[in-house]
Amino acid sequence: MRLMVEFTTEPFELDTFPEHAAAARRAVDEAGLAVSVGPFGTGAEGEAEQVLSAVSELLRKTLDAGATRISLQVSVLDKGTEQGPEGVGTP
């Protein structure tokens, strides 16, 4: 089964790229997930075990790096498709 996780970390900082955001990005990159960055958050997808492990690391690392809030959503992707749910990662 393939999953997609979408996430944002706070506090938002418009002038810099906060360490907690960098930590979140490293967690999904190190898990080998396909990552897409959007204006309201970041999405990453992969096999279920990869995504679930990455979510655990993402939560730990971003909290350690100073995040005060982490919002995330996990979606099951349709079998046989590489795109996320309607409206997510679709043109």
Foldseek 3Di string as FASTA:
>chain_A
DKKKKWKDFDDDDDPDCAPLNVQLVVLLVVLVWDWDADPVTIMTMDDPVSVVNSVVSSVVRSVVRPTPDMDMDMDDADPPDPARDPPGNDD
